[in-house]
Amino acid sequence: MQTRRIIEKAIAIASFMTAVALAFTSLLISPDYDIAANVMFTCAQFLTLCATILGIDYKFASPYG
């Protein structure tokens, strides 16, 4: 079970690093230093994968009920 958790953390870290690398690469190759919409969408998908693996839930709930 411990090995599975290590693999999950490694995938989450790789996913985060991929999103960061895509964003910086898009900034560097764009003539007006802008991140393209399709790159932003891909970064969002990688960050969502990272958050899902780490167990972060994006649903908002009231602490009072």
Protein backbone atom coordinates (compact mmCIF):
# COMPACT_ATOMS: atom_id res chain seq x y z
CA MET A 1 0.00 0.00 0.00
CA GLN A 2 2.90 2.37 0.74
CA THR A 3 4.33 1.83 -2.75
CA ARG A 4 1.00 2.81 -4.30
CA ARG A 5 0.96 6.10 -2.36
CA ILE A 6 4.52 6.89 -3.47
CA ILE A 7 3.55 6.28 -7.09
CA GLU A 8 0.48 8.54 -6.69
CA LYS A 9 2.62 11.34 -5.23
CA ALA A 10 5.16 10.94 -8.05
CA ILE A 11 2.40 11.20 -10.66
CA ALA A 12 0.96 14.28 -8.91
CA ILE A 13 4.38 15.96 -8.84
CA ALA A 14 5.02 15.07 -12.49
CA SER A 15 1.59 16.44 -13.42
CA PHE A 16 2.28 19.73 -11.63
CA MET A 17 5.72 20.08 -13.19
CA THR A 18 4.29 19.38 -16.65
CA ALA A 19 1.70 22.13 -16.20
CA VAL A 20 4.39 24.59 -15.10
CA ALA A 21 6.69 23.63 -17.97
CA LEU A 22 3.88 24.03 -20.52
CA ALA A 23 2.99 27.47 -19.18
CA PHE A 24 6.58 28.74 -19.23
CA THR A 25 7.22 27.25 -22.66
CA SER A 26 4.12 28.97 -24.00
CA LEU A 27 5.29 32.27 -22.51
CA LEU A 28 8.72 31.91 -24.09
CA ILE A 29 7.60 31.03 -27.61
CA SER A 30 4.82 33.61 -27.84
CA PRO A 31 5.93 36.90 -29.43
CA ASP A 32 3.76 38.98 -27.07
CA TYR A 33 4.44 36.79 -24.00
CA ASP A 34 0.92 35.46 -23.68
CA ILE A 35 -0.24 31.97 -22.74
CA ALA A 36 -2.46 30.50 -25.46
CA ALA A 37 -5.94 29.29 -24.56
CA ASN A 38 -5.26 25.67 -25.49
CA VAL A 39 -2.15 25.66 -23.30
CA MET A 40 -4.16 27.07 -20.40
CA PHE A 41 -6.76 24.35 -20.88
CA THR A 42 -4.05 21.65 -20.87
CA CYS A 43 -2.43 23.16 -17.77
CA ALA A 44 -5.82 23.16 -16.04
CA GLN A 45 -6.27 19.47 -16.86
CA PHE A 46 -2.85 18.59 -15.44
CA LEU A 47 -3.50 20.64 -12.29
CA THR A 48 -6.91 19.00 -11.85
CA LEU A 49 -5.25 15.58 -12.14
CA CYS A 50 -2.69 16.65 -9.55
CA ALA A 51 -5.37 17.88 -7.14
CA THR A 52 -7.46 14.75 -7.63
CA ILE A 53 -4.55 12.44 -6.85
CA LEU A 54 -3.69 14.45 -3.74
CA GLY A 55 -7.31 14.29 -2.58
CA ILE A 56 -8.21 17.96 -2.89
CA ASP A 57 -11.93 18.44 -3.48
CA TYR A 58 -13.03 21.52 -5.40
CA LYS A 59 -16.62 21.51 -4.14
CA PHE A 60 -17.43 24.29 -1.73
CA ALA A 61 -19.48 23.44 1.33
CA SER A 62 -20.63 25.42 4.31
CA PRO A 63 -18.98 24.36 7.57
CA TYR A 64 -22.33 24.83 9.31
CA GLY A 65 -24.45 22.43 7.40
